[in-house]
Amino acid sequence: MRELTILRESQSPGHDAAALALGALGWILADRARADRLLALTGLTPDALRSGLGDPGVLGAVLDFLASHEPDLLAAAEELGIEPAALMAARERL
């Protein structure tokens, strides 16, 4: 008897708003000064950030942070291999 496998198209992280926000957060946290600025401008604490990784409000704040400083938005998008507009569209979907 032959086994059949159902192949499903996997959702690209490039189209998943939460995945994009998490990727952007990783990029932000890779630089201490940028991470400190995120915390200062959003009012988030490290604990709130950690516990809010699945919260659309927290992930939206991460993308808002990037939107407020175009050089960071452009650099994050380049690092993630996407267009800056994709990050802003992800913000709208959150």
N, C-alpha and C. Protein backbone atom coordinates (compact mmCIF):
# COMPACT_ATOMS: atom_id res chain seq x y z
N MET A 1 0.84 -1.17 0.00
CA MET A 1 0.00 0.00 0.00
C MET A 1 0.90 1.24 0.00
N ARG A 2 0.61 2.13 -0.87
CA ARG A 2 1.41 3.33 -1.02
C ARG A 2 0.87 4.43 -0.12
N GLU A 3 1.77 5.13 0.59
CA GLU A 3 1.35 6.25 1.45
C GLU A 3 1.23 7.52 0.63
N LEU A 4 0.23 8.28 0.91
CA LEU A 4 0.05 9.57 0.25
C LEU A 4 0.36 10.68 1.24
N THR A 5 0.99 11.67 0.75
CA THR A 5 1.32 12.82 1.58
C THR A 5 0.61 14.04 1.02
N ILE A 6 -0.03 14.76 1.88
CA ILE A 6 -0.67 16.00 1.46
C ILE A 6 0.32 17.13 1.70
N LEU A 7 0.67 17.77 0.62
CA LEU A 7 1.60 18.89 0.74
C LEU A 7 0.80 20.17 0.88
N ARG A 8 1.19 20.94 1.83
CA ARG A 8 0.55 22.23 2.04
C ARG A 8 1.56 23.31 1.81
N GLU A 9 1.10 24.36 1.20
CA GLU A 9 1.99 25.49 0.98
C GLU A 9 2.24 26.15 2.32
N SER A 10 3.50 26.26 2.69
CA SER A 10 3.81 26.89 3.96
C SER A 10 3.67 28.39 3.85
N GLN A 11 3.24 28.99 4.93
CA GLN A 11 3.10 30.43 4.94
C GLN A 11 4.48 31.05 5.08
N SER A 12 4.78 31.91 4.17
CA SER A 12 6.08 32.57 4.19
C SER A 12 6.16 33.53 5.36
N PRO A 13 7.27 33.51 6.13
CA PRO A 13 7.41 34.46 7.22
C PRO A 13 7.36 35.90 6.72
N GLY A 14 7.68 36.09 5.43
CA GLY A 14 7.62 37.43 4.87
C GLY A 14 6.21 37.98 4.82
N HIS A 15 5.24 37.12 4.90
CA HIS A 15 3.85 37.56 4.84
C HIS A 15 3.16 37.48 6.19
N ASP A 16 3.83 36.97 7.18
CA ASP A 16 3.26 36.84 8.51
C ASP A 16 3.65 38.07 9.33
N ALA A 17 2.67 38.85 9.74
CA ALA A 17 2.94 40.11 10.44
C ALA A 17 3.73 39.88 11.73
N ALA A 18 3.33 38.89 12.51
CA ALA A 18 4.03 38.64 13.77
C ALA A 18 5.47 38.21 13.53
N ALA A 19 5.68 37.36 12.51
CA ALA A 19 7.04 36.91 12.21
C ALA A 19 7.91 38.08 11.76
N LEU A 20 7.34 38.98 10.96
CA LEU A 20 8.11 40.16 10.54
C LEU A 20 8.46 41.03 11.74
N ALA A 21 7.50 41.22 12.62
CA ALA A 21 7.75 42.05 13.81
C ALA A 21 8.81 41.42 14.69
N LEU A 22 8.77 40.11 14.84
CA LEU A 22 9.78 39.43 15.65
C LEU A 22 11.15 39.51 15.00
N GLY A 23 11.19 39.41 13.68
CA GLY A 23 12.46 39.57 12.97
C GLY A 23 13.01 40.98 13.16
N ALA A 24 12.12 41.96 13.09
CA ALA A 24 12.53 43.35 13.30
C ALA A 24 13.02 43.54 14.73
N LEU A 25 12.34 42.92 15.67
CA LEU A 25 12.76 43.03 17.07
C LEU A 25 14.15 42.43 17.25
N GLY A 26 14.41 41.30 16.64
CA GLY A 26 15.74 40.71 16.71
C GLY A 26 16.80 41.65 16.18
N TRP A 27 16.48 42.31 15.06
CA TRP A 27 17.42 43.28 14.49
C TRP A 27 17.65 44.43 15.46
N ILE A 28 16.59 44.94 16.07
CA ILE A 28 16.70 46.05 17.02
C ILE A 28 17.57 45.65 18.20
N LEU A 29 17.31 44.48 18.76
CA LEU A 29 18.01 44.05 19.97
C LEU A 29 19.46 43.67 19.73
N ALA A 30 19.85 43.52 18.48
CA ALA A 30 21.24 43.19 18.16
C ALA A 30 22.19 44.35 18.43
N ASP A 31 21.64 45.53 18.61
CA ASP A 31 22.45 46.73 18.87
C ASP A 31 22.00 47.33 20.20
N ARG A 32 22.91 47.41 21.16
CA ARG A 32 22.56 47.86 22.52
C ARG A 32 21.94 49.26 22.53
N ALA A 33 22.51 50.20 21.79
CA ALA A 33 21.98 51.57 21.77
C ALA A 33 20.57 51.60 21.18
N ARG A 34 20.36 50.82 20.12
CA ARG A 34 19.04 50.77 19.50
C ARG A 34 18.04 50.11 20.45
N ALA A 35 18.47 49.07 21.14
CA ALA A 35 17.59 48.39 22.10
C ALA A 35 17.22 49.32 23.24
N ASP A 36 18.18 50.06 23.73
CA ASP A 36 17.90 51.03 24.81
C ASP A 36 16.92 52.09 24.33
N ARG A 37 17.10 52.53 23.08
CA ARG A 37 16.19 53.55 22.54
C ARG A 37 14.78 52.98 22.40
N LEU A 38 14.65 51.73 21.98
CA LEU A 38 13.34 51.08 21.90
C LEU A 38 12.64 51.11 23.25
N LEU A 39 13.36 50.71 24.28
CA LEU A 39 12.76 50.67 25.62
C LEU A 39 12.38 52.07 26.09
N ALA A 40 13.26 53.03 25.85
CA ALA A 40 13.00 54.39 26.30
C ALA A 40 11.80 55.01 25.58
N LEU A 41 11.71 54.80 24.28
CA LEU A 41 10.65 55.45 23.52
C LEU A 41 9.30 54.75 23.62
N THR A 42 9.31 53.44 23.81
CA THR A 42 8.05 52.71 23.91
C THR A 42 7.54 52.60 25.34
N GLY A 43 8.43 52.81 26.31
CA GLY A 43 8.02 52.65 27.70
C GLY A 43 7.99 51.19 28.13
N LEU A 44 8.38 50.28 27.24
CA LEU A 44 8.41 48.87 27.60
C LEU A 44 9.61 48.59 28.49
N THR A 45 9.45 47.63 29.36
CA THR A 45 10.56 47.14 30.16
C THR A 45 11.04 45.84 29.51
N PRO A 46 12.25 45.40 29.82
CA PRO A 46 12.68 44.11 29.27
C PRO A 46 11.70 42.98 29.60
N ASP A 47 11.17 42.96 30.83
CA ASP A 47 10.22 41.91 31.20
C ASP A 47 8.93 42.02 30.39
N ALA A 48 8.42 43.24 30.21
CA ALA A 48 7.20 43.42 29.43
C ALA A 48 7.42 43.03 27.98
N LEU A 49 8.58 43.32 27.47
CA LEU A 49 8.91 42.95 26.10
C LEU A 49 8.95 41.43 25.96
N ARG A 50 9.63 40.77 26.89
CA ARG A 50 9.71 39.30 26.84
C ARG A 50 8.33 38.66 26.96
N SER A 51 7.53 39.14 27.89
CA SER A 51 6.22 38.52 28.09
C SER A 51 5.22 38.90 27.01
N GLY A 52 5.52 39.94 26.24
CA GLY A 52 4.59 40.38 25.21
C GLY A 52 4.95 39.96 23.80
N LEU A 53 5.83 38.99 23.65
CA LEU A 53 6.26 38.59 22.32
C LEU A 53 5.13 38.07 21.44
N GLY A 54 4.06 37.61 22.04
CA GLY A 54 2.90 37.14 21.27
C GLY A 54 1.78 38.14 21.24
N ASP A 55 1.99 39.30 21.82
CA ASP A 55 0.95 40.33 21.92
C ASP A 55 1.04 41.27 20.71
N PRO A 56 -0.04 41.37 19.93
CA PRO A 56 -0.02 42.27 18.77
C PRO A 56 0.28 43.72 19.14
N GLY A 57 -0.11 44.16 20.32
CA GLY A 57 0.17 45.52 20.75
C GLY A 57 1.66 45.76 20.94
N VAL A 58 2.34 44.81 21.54
CA VAL A 58 3.79 44.92 21.75
C VAL A 58 4.52 44.83 20.41
N LEU A 59 4.10 43.88 19.58
CA LEU A 59 4.75 43.75 18.27
C LEU A 59 4.49 44.99 17.41
N GLY A 60 3.30 45.56 17.54
CA GLY A 60 3.00 46.80 16.84
C GLY A 60 3.87 47.94 17.31
N ALA A 61 4.14 47.98 18.61
CA ALA A 61 5.01 49.03 19.15
C ALA A 61 6.43 48.91 18.58
N VAL A 62 6.86 47.69 18.35
CA VAL A 62 8.18 47.47 17.74
C VAL A 62 8.20 48.07 16.33
N LEU A 63 7.17 47.80 15.56
CA LEU A 63 7.12 48.32 14.20
C LEU A 63 6.89 49.83 14.18
N ASP A 64 6.13 50.34 15.14
CA ASP A 64 5.97 51.80 15.26
C ASP A 64 7.31 52.46 15.55
N PHE A 65 8.10 51.81 16.38
CA PHE A 65 9.44 52.32 16.69
C PHE A 65 10.26 52.46 15.42
N LEU A 66 10.22 51.46 14.56
CA LEU A 66 10.96 51.54 13.30
C LEU A 66 10.39 52.61 12.39
N ALA A 67 9.09 52.72 12.36
CA ALA A 67 8.45 53.71 11.49
C ALA A 67 8.81 55.13 11.89
N SER A 68 9.12 55.32 13.15
CA SER A 68 9.41 56.67 13.63
C SER A 68 10.83 57.13 13.31
N HIS A 69 11.66 56.22 12.81
CA HIS A 69 13.04 56.58 12.48
C HIS A 69 13.41 55.89 11.17
N GLU A 70 13.26 56.61 10.07
CA GLU A 70 13.42 56.02 8.75
C GLU A 70 14.74 55.29 8.53
N PRO A 71 15.87 55.81 9.00
CA PRO A 71 17.11 55.05 8.79
C PRO A 71 17.06 53.65 9.40
N ASP A 72 16.46 53.52 10.57
CA ASP A 72 16.31 52.19 11.17
C ASP A 72 15.34 51.33 10.37
N LEU A 73 14.25 51.92 9.91
CA LEU A 73 13.28 51.19 9.10
C LEU A 73 13.95 50.62 7.85
N LEU A 74 14.71 51.46 7.17
CA LEU A 74 15.39 51.02 5.94
C LEU A 74 16.43 49.95 6.23
N ALA A 75 17.20 50.13 7.30
CA ALA A 75 18.24 49.16 7.64
C ALA A 75 17.64 47.82 8.07
N ALA A 76 16.56 47.88 8.86
CA ALA A 76 15.92 46.64 9.30
C ALA A 76 15.35 45.89 8.10
N ALA A 77 14.69 46.61 7.20
CA ALA A 77 14.11 45.97 6.02
C ALA A 77 15.21 45.32 5.17
N GLU A 78 16.31 46.03 5.01
CA GLU A 78 17.41 45.47 4.23
C GLU A 78 17.94 44.19 4.88
N GLU A 79 18.13 44.24 6.18
CA GLU A 79 18.64 43.07 6.91
C GLU A 79 17.68 41.88 6.79
N LEU A 80 16.38 42.17 6.81
CA LEU A 80 15.38 41.11 6.72
C LEU A 80 15.10 40.68 5.28
N GLY A 81 15.66 41.41 4.32
CA GLY A 81 15.47 41.06 2.92
C GLY A 81 14.09 41.37 2.38
N ILE A 82 13.48 42.43 2.91
CA ILE A 82 12.14 42.82 2.47
C ILE A 82 12.11 44.32 2.19
N GLU A 83 11.02 44.76 1.64
CA GLU A 83 10.82 46.18 1.41
C GLU A 83 10.33 46.83 2.70
N PRO A 84 10.71 48.08 2.94
CA PRO A 84 10.21 48.78 4.13
C PRO A 84 8.68 48.80 4.20
N ALA A 85 8.04 48.88 3.04
CA ALA A 85 6.58 48.88 3.01
C ALA A 85 5.99 47.60 3.59
N ALA A 86 6.72 46.49 3.48
CA ALA A 86 6.25 45.23 4.04
C ALA A 86 6.19 45.31 5.56
N LEU A 87 7.14 45.99 6.16
CA LEU A 87 7.10 46.16 7.62
C LEU A 87 5.92 47.03 8.03
N MET A 88 5.65 48.07 7.25
CA MET A 88 4.52 48.95 7.58
C MET A 88 3.20 48.27 7.33
N ALA A 89 3.14 47.42 6.32
CA ALA A 89 1.92 46.64 6.08
C ALA A 89 1.70 45.64 7.21
N ALA A 90 2.79 45.08 7.71
CA ALA A 90 2.68 44.16 8.86
C ALA A 90 2.12 44.90 10.06
N ARG A 91 2.53 46.14 10.23
CA ARG A 91 2.02 46.94 11.35
C ARG A 91 0.51 47.09 11.25
N GLU A 92 0.04 47.33 10.05
CA GLU A 92 -1.41 47.48 9.84
C GLU A 92 -2.15 46.18 10.12
N ARG A 93 -1.52 45.04 9.82
CA ARG A 93 -2.18 43.75 10.05
C ARG A 93 -2.19 43.35 11.51
N LEU A 94 -1.31 43.91 12.30
CA LEU A 94 -1.30 43.56 13.72
C LEU A 94 -2.43 44.28 14.36
